[in-house]
Amino acid sequence: MTSDNPQSAIRNPQAHPGPLEGIRVLDVATMLAGPYAATLLGDLGADVIKVESPYGDDCRHLGPERNGERGPFIGLNRNKRSVVLDLERPAAREVFARLAASADVLITNIRGAVLSRLGLNYEEVRAHRHDVIWVGVTAFGADGPYAGRPGIDFLAQGFAGLLALTGEPDGPPVRVTVPLVDVMTSLLVVSGVLAALHERTRSGEGQRIDVSLLDALVHAQCTGLGGYFLNGWVSPRAGNRSPYFAPSGIYTCADGKRVCITCPSQKFFRNLCGALDVDWVADPRFHTIEQRLQHEDALDREIAERCKAFPRDELLARLVAADAMAAPVNELEDVVQDPQVRHNGMIVTTEHPTLGAVNVTGVPIHLQRTPGSVRRSPPLLGQHTEEILTELGYQPGEIARLRGEAVNA
């Protein structure tokens, strides 16, 4: 995770406080959707405290490892402090009560029975702070026929129809490997929290928010479901093609590298023809979007043959100059070196207590007057326990006692 090339990342010595400065968020979640929502709130300036068990977030035990730290956790958990509380113990519950009283928002994805046993359900947390905004992230819903079932991104893809839509037409369903459902869910959590914080300024009241992976993906199926509701149309599994327009595909260049090209309108098809020095618009097979869809195999063969005449960088330069829609098929190593990604500040270097300089993703929301920033590296397990207990008013002797009874400092 360190940067071999100092130009591949951006150091931001001036850490902006962000618009959510003064808001405290408790991240009592694990894996991705809940914790990443807390991260995004931290990016915008919130003080995010990750409350972990002695075992820690499950992401601390998954994926590539270096010096005891794991890639998924490092990638997900910037801008947080970590405190370890063994909430199975009464002494830890007392600490949590004090911590919850200081929090504006709590995010959890712990399931029902355990949630209540650990004192983390909405009513119990609300007893510590009446105007708390409590967010429960579930796989399929807080109640209903699937409530309480375990689930992750992959299962939501199955339930919401994404698996059935993904893959080649003559092949089996294929999962989307990037955890897009989890990330979409985290964005919905952030939207709900910001709305609830705004409403609280008027009413003085907090509230419970429930967000599920299933709802997030059904919500994202809006275009496909629009066609189904309109006339029963079901989008076919189309690989890299689009069911709405053509061409849309991945093509190999003279040097073996690949580009993706798409034309969602007549304008962009004309631009593509200009870039490739062809007059396909005059061909009756390709004159309109509907005709191109009918003759997509023939069009793909023509484009594939033409792309083989150019090295990828030369082809992309021609396509960009013609205002055609195209992109390289980048590997991850290309992504972190991409000039636009770097210009956007989406790769940031931060100092980790044991790993040294590590790269993390940057803040994707660019506020001009009150920008967010990456202010903290992903924390070690329990790294800030003593610091946070001190902030809560515990004295050194009490902290020493709690180390053996309830916490890990």
Protein backbone atom coordinates (compact mmCIF):
# COMPACT_ATOMS: atom_id res chain seq x y z
CA MET A 1 0.00 0.00 0.00
CA THR A 2 2.99 2.33 0.09
CA SER A 3 3.81 4.58 -2.82
CA ASP A 4 6.78 3.54 -4.95
CA ASN A 5 6.42 6.70 -7.00
CA PRO A 6 6.05 9.92 -5.00
CA GLN A 7 4.13 11.43 -7.92
CA SER A 8 1.44 8.72 -7.76
CA ALA A 9 -0.19 10.22 -4.69
CA ILE A 10 -0.91 13.57 -3.18
CA ARG A 11 0.20 14.60 0.29
CA ASN A 12 -2.16 17.10 1.86
CA PRO A 13 -0.35 18.79 4.75
CA GLN A 14 -3.18 21.28 5.14
CA ALA A 15 -5.96 19.06 6.52
CA HIS A 16 -9.22 20.96 6.21
CA PRO A 17 -11.67 20.44 9.07
CA GLY A 18 -14.64 19.97 6.74
CA PRO A 19 -18.31 20.98 7.02
CA LEU A 20 -19.15 18.30 9.61
CA GLU A 21 -16.59 19.50 12.14
CA GLY A 22 -18.14 19.16 15.61
CA ILE A 23 -20.28 16.14 14.70
CA ARG A 24 -19.32 12.89 16.42
CA VAL A 25 -20.06 9.55 14.75
CA LEU A 26 -19.76 6.15 16.40
CA ASP A 27 -18.89 3.41 13.92
CA VAL A 28 -20.14 0.23 15.59
CA ALA A 29 -20.19 -1.72 12.34
CA THR A 30 -17.99 -4.20 10.54
CA MET A 31 -16.97 -5.11 6.99
CA LEU A 32 -17.94 -2.47 4.40
CA ALA A 33 -21.28 -0.66 4.02
CA GLY A 34 -21.58 0.66 7.58
CA PRO A 35 -17.90 1.41 8.18
CA TYR A 36 -17.48 3.10 4.80
CA ALA A 37 -20.46 5.36 5.47
CA ALA A 38 -18.72 6.43 8.68
CA THR A 39 -15.53 6.99 6.70
CA LEU A 40 -17.30 9.28 4.25
CA LEU A 41 -18.73 11.30 7.14
CA GLY A 42 -15.20 11.48 8.53
CA ASP A 43 -13.96 12.72 5.16
CA LEU A 44 -16.40 15.60 5.55
CA GLY A 45 -15.06 16.52 8.96
CA ALA A 46 -16.92 14.38 11.50
CA ASP A 47 -15.03 12.96 14.47
CA VAL A 48 -15.48 9.24 13.80
CA ILE A 49 -14.79 6.81 16.61
CA LYS A 50 -14.65 3.16 15.57
CA VAL A 51 -15.88 1.01 18.44
CA GLU A 52 -14.40 -2.47 18.03
CA SER A 53 -14.43 -5.73 19.93
CA PRO A 54 -11.10 -7.21 21.01
CA TYR A 55 -11.22 -9.25 17.78
CA GLY A 56 -11.72 -6.10 15.73
CA ASP A 57 -13.54 -5.39 12.50
CA ASP A 58 -13.75 -8.48 10.28
CA CYS A 59 -11.87 -6.56 7.58
CA ARG A 60 -8.82 -6.65 9.85
CA HIS A 61 -8.61 -10.38 9.09
CA LEU A 62 -9.24 -10.46 5.32
CA GLY A 63 -7.13 -9.86 2.23
CA PRO A 64 -3.48 -8.99 1.58
CA GLU A 65 -1.36 -8.38 4.67
CA ARG A 66 1.75 -6.43 5.63
CA ASN A 67 3.07 -5.97 9.16
CA GLY A 68 -0.18 -7.32 10.58
CA GLU A 69 -2.39 -4.84 8.69
CA ARG A 70 -4.81 -5.91 5.96
CA GLY A 71 -5.56 -4.20 2.67
CA PRO A 72 -9.38 -4.03 2.93
CA PHE A 73 -9.26 -2.42 6.38
CA ILE A 74 -6.63 0.10 5.28
CA GLY A 75 -8.69 0.94 2.20
CA LEU A 76 -11.94 1.46 4.11
CA ASN A 77 -11.15 3.14 7.39
CA ARG A 78 -9.31 6.44 7.01
CA ASN A 79 -10.31 9.42 9.19
CA LYS A 80 -11.18 7.37 12.30
CA ARG A 81 -10.01 6.73 15.80
CA SER A 82 -10.28 3.21 17.23
CA VAL A 83 -11.39 2.25 20.72
CA VAL A 84 -11.74 -1.35 21.88
CA LEU A 85 -14.68 -2.13 24.17
CA ASP A 86 -15.70 -5.65 25.10
CA LEU A 87 -19.42 -4.91 25.27
CA GLU A 88 -20.09 -8.35 26.73
CA ARG A 89 -18.70 -6.91 30.01
CA PRO A 90 -20.67 -4.53 32.27
CA ALA A 91 -17.71 -2.18 32.75
CA ALA A 92 -17.48 -1.68 28.99
CA ARG A 93 -21.20 -0.93 28.86
CA GLU A 94 -20.63 1.89 31.32
CA VAL A 95 -17.89 3.32 29.12
CA PHE A 96 -20.10 2.98 26.07
CA ALA A 97 -22.94 4.81 27.80
CA ARG A 98 -20.67 7.78 28.36
CA LEU A 99 -19.38 7.59 24.79
CA ALA A 100 -22.90 7.34 23.34
CA ALA A 101 -23.98 10.40 25.31
CA SER A 102 -21.33 12.38 23.42
CA ALA A 103 -22.31 11.11 19.95
CA ASP A 104 -24.54 12.66 17.33
CA VAL A 105 -24.71 9.58 15.10
CA LEU A 106 -24.32 5.84 15.60
CA ILE A 107 -23.96 3.43 12.68
CA THR A 108 -24.24 -0.31 13.18
CA ASN A 109 -24.83 -3.45 11.13
CA ILE A 110 -24.99 -5.86 14.05
CA ARG A 111 -28.03 -8.10 13.75
CA GLY A 112 -31.07 -8.05 16.06
CA ALA A 113 -30.47 -10.44 18.94
CA VAL A 114 -26.83 -9.52 19.40
CA LEU A 115 -27.68 -5.83 18.99
CA SER A 116 -30.01 -5.98 21.99
CA ARG A 117 -27.67 -8.16 24.04
CA LEU A 118 -24.87 -5.61 23.65
CA GLY A 119 -27.12 -2.64 24.45
CA LEU A 120 -26.89 -1.17 20.96
CA ASN A 121 -30.48 -1.06 19.71
CA TYR A 122 -32.08 2.29 19.03
CA GLU A 123 -34.06 2.63 22.24
CA GLU A 124 -31.08 1.69 24.41
CA VAL A 125 -28.76 4.14 22.65
CA ARG A 126 -31.46 6.81 22.73
CA ALA A 127 -31.56 6.46 26.50
CA HIS A 128 -27.99 7.81 26.56
CA ARG A 129 -28.75 10.69 24.17
CA HIS A 130 -32.32 11.51 23.22
CA ASP A 131 -31.52 13.24 19.93
CA VAL A 132 -29.12 10.62 18.60
CA ILE A 133 -29.36 9.65 14.93
CA TRP A 134 -29.18 5.86 14.89
CA VAL A 135 -28.52 4.02 11.62
CA GLY A 136 -29.09 0.31 11.19
CA VAL A 137 -27.58 -1.26 8.07
CA THR A 138 -28.99 -4.67 7.15
CA ALA A 139 -28.74 -7.00 4.19
CA PHE A 140 -32.43 -7.19 3.33
CA GLY A 141 -34.42 -4.94 5.68
CA ALA A 142 -34.98 -4.25 9.36
CA ASP A 143 -38.22 -6.25 9.33
CA GLY A 144 -40.19 -8.37 6.90
CA PRO A 145 -39.76 -11.95 5.65
CA TYR A 146 -35.95 -11.76 5.25
CA ALA A 147 -35.20 -9.74 8.39
CA GLY A 148 -32.36 -11.14 10.45
CA ARG A 149 -30.81 -13.13 7.64
CA PRO A 150 -27.06 -12.72 7.13
CA GLY A 151 -26.07 -11.22 3.83
CA ILE A 152 -23.37 -9.43 1.88
CA ASP A 153 -23.02 -7.60 -1.44
CA PHE A 154 -22.96 -10.84 -3.49
CA LEU A 155 -26.26 -12.07 -2.08
CA ALA A 156 -27.91 -8.70 -2.69
CA GLN A 157 -26.80 -8.98 -6.32
CA GLY A 158 -28.70 -12.27 -6.50
CA PHE A 159 -31.89 -11.02 -4.83
CA ALA A 160 -32.06 -7.74 -6.77
CA GLY A 161 -31.51 -9.25 -10.20
CA LEU A 162 -28.03 -7.90 -10.91
CA LEU A 163 -26.44 -11.34 -11.26
CA ALA A 164 -29.04 -12.35 -13.84
CA LEU A 165 -28.21 -9.25 -15.89
CA THR A 166 -24.41 -9.52 -15.78
CA GLY A 167 -22.23 -11.65 -18.07
CA GLU A 168 -22.11 -12.73 -21.68
CA PRO A 169 -25.42 -13.60 -23.41
CA ASP A 170 -24.53 -17.29 -23.78
CA GLY A 171 -22.73 -17.58 -20.44
CA PRO A 172 -23.73 -17.92 -16.79
CA PRO A 173 -24.48 -14.98 -14.48
CA VAL A 174 -21.36 -13.18 -13.25
CA ARG A 175 -20.94 -11.21 -10.04
CA VAL A 176 -19.80 -7.59 -10.07
CA THR A 177 -16.49 -7.96 -8.25
CA VAL A 178 -16.15 -4.36 -7.02
CA PRO A 179 -18.41 -4.06 -3.92
CA LEU A 180 -20.66 -1.51 -5.58
CA VAL A 181 -23.75 -2.50 -3.59
CA ASP A 182 -21.93 -1.92 -0.31
CA VAL A 183 -20.61 1.42 -1.54
CA MET A 184 -24.04 2.51 -2.80
CA THR A 185 -25.49 1.55 0.57
CA SER A 186 -22.87 3.63 2.36
CA LEU A 187 -23.83 6.63 0.24
CA LEU A 188 -27.49 6.17 1.16
CA VAL A 189 -26.50 6.02 4.83
CA VAL A 190 -24.63 9.31 4.46
CA SER A 191 -27.62 10.88 2.67
CA GLY A 192 -29.94 9.77 5.46
CA VAL A 193 -27.62 11.02 8.18
CA LEU A 194 -27.22 14.45 6.57
CA ALA A 195 -30.99 14.74 6.13
CA ALA A 196 -31.59 13.73 9.75
CA LEU A 197 -28.96 16.17 11.04
CA HIS A 198 -30.63 18.97 9.08
CA GLU A 199 -34.08 18.02 10.39
CA ARG A 200 -32.72 17.86 13.95
CA THR A 201 -31.76 21.52 13.78
CA ARG A 202 -35.49 22.31 13.42
CA SER A 203 -37.10 19.73 15.69
CA GLY A 204 -34.39 19.06 18.26
CA GLU A 205 -35.13 15.36 17.81
CA GLY A 206 -33.05 12.48 16.56
CA GLN A 207 -34.44 9.46 14.76
CA ARG A 208 -33.81 5.93 13.59
CA ILE A 209 -32.69 5.29 10.00
CA ASP A 210 -32.76 1.88 8.33
CA VAL A 211 -30.87 1.18 5.10
CA SER A 212 -30.40 -2.20 3.39
CA LEU A 213 -28.20 -3.58 0.64
CA LEU A 214 -31.29 -4.95 -1.08
CA ASP A 215 -33.04 -1.57 -1.18
CA ALA A 216 -29.88 0.12 -2.43
CA LEU A 217 -29.62 -2.21 -5.41
CA VAL A 218 -33.33 -2.26 -6.24
CA HIS A 219 -33.10 1.55 -6.20
CA ALA A 220 -30.16 1.32 -8.64
CA GLN A 221 -32.24 -0.86 -10.98
CA CYS A 222 -34.45 2.14 -11.79
CA THR A 223 -33.84 2.13 -15.56
CA GLY A 224 -34.29 -1.61 -16.00
CA LEU A 225 -37.35 -1.71 -13.80
CA GLY A 226 -38.72 1.29 -15.70
CA GLY A 227 -38.80 -0.78 -18.87
CA TYR A 228 -40.29 -3.75 -17.05
CA PHE A 229 -43.06 -1.65 -15.50
CA LEU A 230 -43.74 0.05 -18.84
CA ASN A 231 -44.33 -3.00 -20.98
CA GLY A 232 -42.78 -6.06 -19.35
CA TRP A 233 -39.43 -5.62 -21.11
CA VAL A 234 -36.51 -7.44 -19.45
CA SER A 235 -32.98 -6.34 -20.26
CA PRO A 236 -31.00 -9.26 -21.70
CA ARG A 237 -27.57 -10.27 -20.44
CA ALA A 238 -25.41 -8.37 -22.92
CA GLY A 239 -21.76 -8.58 -21.81
CA ASN A 240 -20.11 -5.27 -22.66
CA ARG A 241 -22.90 -4.20 -24.97
CA SER A 242 -25.80 -1.88 -24.16
CA PRO A 243 -29.42 -2.93 -24.70
CA TYR A 244 -30.25 0.66 -25.68
CA PHE A 245 -27.65 1.70 -28.27
CA ALA A 246 -24.68 0.52 -30.31
CA PRO A 247 -21.78 0.34 -30.52
CA SER A 248 -20.70 -0.37 -26.97
CA GLY A 249 -17.79 -2.69 -26.40
CA ILE A 250 -14.14 -3.42 -25.68
CA TYR A 251 -11.75 -3.53 -28.61
CA THR A 252 -8.12 -4.64 -28.94
CA CYS A 253 -5.54 -2.29 -30.45
CA ALA A 254 -2.40 -2.96 -32.51
CA ASP A 255 -0.22 -3.25 -29.38
CA GLY A 256 -2.56 -5.70 -27.64
CA LYS A 257 -3.93 -3.09 -25.25
CA ARG A 258 -7.67 -2.47 -25.08
CA VAL A 259 -10.10 0.43 -25.22
CA CYS A 260 -13.78 0.71 -24.43
CA ILE A 261 -15.88 2.66 -26.90
CA THR A 262 -19.54 3.58 -26.66
CA CYS A 263 -21.95 5.78 -28.61
CA PRO A 264 -25.17 6.62 -26.74
CA SER A 265 -26.31 9.10 -29.41
CA GLN A 266 -26.06 9.81 -33.12
CA LYS A 267 -23.65 12.67 -32.41
CA PHE A 268 -21.09 10.42 -30.76
CA PHE A 269 -21.37 7.81 -33.52
CA ARG A 270 -20.54 10.49 -36.09
CA ASN A 271 -17.62 11.58 -33.94
CA LEU A 272 -16.38 7.99 -33.78
CA CYS A 273 -16.58 7.69 -37.55
CA GLY A 274 -14.56 10.87 -37.92
CA ALA A 275 -11.87 9.62 -35.55
CA LEU A 276 -11.55 6.33 -37.42
CA ASP A 277 -11.73 7.90 -40.92
CA VAL A 278 -14.79 5.88 -41.93
CA ASP A 279 -18.24 6.77 -43.23
CA TRP A 280 -20.35 4.19 -41.47
CA VAL A 281 -23.22 6.67 -41.07
CA ALA A 282 -23.83 6.32 -44.81
CA ASP A 283 -24.09 2.54 -44.48
CA PRO A 284 -27.81 1.66 -44.26
CA ARG A 285 -27.00 -0.97 -41.63
CA PHE A 286 -25.55 1.66 -39.29
CA HIS A 287 -27.45 4.84 -40.14
CA THR A 288 -29.59 5.01 -36.97
CA ILE A 289 -29.39 3.69 -33.43
CA GLU A 290 -32.10 1.11 -34.17
CA GLN A 291 -30.30 -0.10 -37.31
CA ARG A 292 -27.01 -0.35 -35.45
CA LEU A 293 -28.63 -2.48 -32.76
CA GLN A 294 -30.03 -4.79 -35.45
CA HIS A 295 -26.59 -5.18 -37.07
CA GLU A 296 -24.42 -4.98 -33.95
CA ASP A 297 -22.32 -8.05 -34.77
CA ALA A 298 -21.33 -6.59 -38.14
CA LEU A 299 -20.61 -3.18 -36.60
CA ASP A 300 -18.45 -4.71 -33.89
CA ARG A 301 -16.40 -6.55 -36.51
CA GLU A 302 -15.84 -3.31 -38.41
CA ILE A 303 -14.76 -1.40 -35.29
CA ALA A 304 -12.54 -4.25 -34.07
CA GLU A 305 -10.75 -4.38 -37.42
CA ARG A 306 -10.27 -0.61 -37.50
CA CYS A 307 -8.93 -0.45 -33.91
CA LYS A 308 -6.22 -2.99 -34.81
CA ALA A 309 -4.71 -0.36 -37.10
CA PHE A 310 -3.59 1.84 -34.18
CA PRO A 311 -1.59 1.47 -30.97
CA ARG A 312 -3.84 2.23 -28.03
CA ASP A 313 -2.41 5.61 -27.08
CA GLU A 314 -2.59 6.84 -30.67
CA LEU A 315 -6.16 5.59 -31.01
CA LEU A 316 -7.23 7.24 -27.77
CA ALA A 317 -5.65 10.52 -28.87
CA ARG A 318 -7.68 10.41 -32.10
CA LEU A 319 -10.88 9.55 -30.26
CA VAL A 320 -10.42 12.30 -27.68
CA ALA A 321 -9.61 14.86 -30.37
CA ALA A 322 -12.84 13.92 -32.17
CA ASP A 323 -14.92 14.18 -28.96
CA ALA A 324 -15.78 10.49 -29.14
CA MET A 325 -16.63 8.47 -26.03
CA ALA A 326 -13.70 6.20 -25.21
CA ALA A 327 -11.47 5.10 -22.35
CA PRO A 328 -8.53 2.78 -21.81
CA VAL A 329 -9.10 -0.55 -20.07
CA ASN A 330 -6.83 0.28 -17.15
CA GLU A 331 -5.24 -2.07 -14.63
CA LEU A 332 -5.15 -0.89 -11.01
CA GLU A 333 -1.53 0.21 -11.41
CA ASP A 334 -2.69 2.45 -14.27
CA VAL A 335 -5.53 3.87 -12.18
CA VAL A 336 -3.28 5.14 -9.38
CA GLN A 337 -1.01 6.82 -11.94
CA ASP A 338 -3.84 8.28 -14.03
CA PRO A 339 -3.38 12.06 -14.38
CA GLN A 340 -7.08 12.85 -13.85
CA VAL A 341 -7.32 10.62 -10.78
CA ARG A 342 -4.25 12.33 -9.33
CA HIS A 343 -5.51 15.79 -10.27
CA ASN A 344 -8.81 15.04 -8.49
CA GLY A 345 -6.92 14.19 -5.29
CA MET A 346 -8.30 10.65 -5.24
CA ILE A 347 -5.02 9.06 -4.16
CA VAL A 348 -3.71 10.55 -0.92
CA THR A 349 -0.67 9.63 1.17
CA THR A 350 -1.09 9.43 4.93
CA GLU A 351 1.29 8.39 7.70
CA HIS A 352 0.37 5.11 9.37
CA PRO A 353 1.84 4.34 12.83
CA THR A 354 3.37 1.00 11.79
CA LEU A 355 3.32 0.97 7.99
CA GLY A 356 4.72 4.44 7.43
CA ALA A 357 3.50 6.25 4.33
CA VAL A 358 0.44 4.52 2.86
CA ASN A 359 -1.83 5.53 0.05
CA VAL A 360 -5.58 5.68 0.59
CA THR A 361 -8.39 6.91 -1.60
CA GLY A 362 -9.25 10.58 -1.29
CA VAL A 363 -12.44 12.51 -0.66
CA PRO A 364 -14.84 12.13 -3.63
CA ILE A 365 -17.01 15.16 -2.75
CA HIS A 366 -15.24 18.42 -3.58
CA LEU A 367 -16.71 21.28 -1.56
CA GLN A 368 -15.08 24.54 -2.57
CA ARG A 369 -15.45 26.59 0.60
CA THR A 370 -15.36 23.89 3.30
CA PRO A 371 -13.61 20.93 1.70
CA GLY A 372 -13.16 17.63 3.45
CA SER A 373 -9.76 15.97 3.74
CA VAL A 374 -7.92 12.86 4.82
CA ARG A 375 -6.75 13.87 8.28
CA ARG A 376 -6.09 10.48 9.88
CA SER A 377 -4.62 7.21 8.67
CA PRO A 378 -6.62 4.01 9.23
CA PRO A 379 -6.21 3.23 12.95
CA LEU A 380 -4.56 0.31 14.65
CA LEU A 381 -6.93 -1.80 16.71
CA GLY A 382 -7.56 0.15 19.92
CA GLN A 383 -4.99 2.80 19.01
CA HIS A 384 -6.96 5.68 20.53
CA THR A 385 -8.64 3.94 23.46
CA GLU A 386 -6.73 5.77 26.18
CA GLU A 387 -7.05 9.11 24.36
CA ILE A 388 -10.81 8.73 24.03
CA LEU A 389 -11.29 7.57 27.62
CA THR A 390 -9.40 10.66 28.76
CA GLU A 391 -11.69 12.85 26.66
CA LEU A 392 -14.66 11.16 28.34
CA GLY A 393 -13.35 12.23 31.74
CA TYR A 394 -11.70 9.03 32.98
CA GLN A 395 -8.67 9.50 35.21
CA PRO A 396 -5.40 7.57 34.74
CA GLY A 397 -6.18 5.19 37.59
CA GLU A 398 -9.63 4.43 36.19
CA ILE A 399 -8.17 3.82 32.74
CA ALA A 400 -5.65 1.38 34.19
CA ARG A 401 -8.50 -0.51 35.89
CA LEU A 402 -10.59 -0.54 32.72
CA ARG A 403 -7.74 -2.03 30.71
CA GLY A 404 -8.22 -5.27 32.56
CA GLU A 405 -11.98 -5.15 32.86
CA ALA A 406 -13.46 -3.77 29.67
CA VAL A 407 -11.15 -2.20 27.14
CA ASN A 408 -7.91 -2.57 25.30
CA ALA A 409 -5.73 0.49 25.55
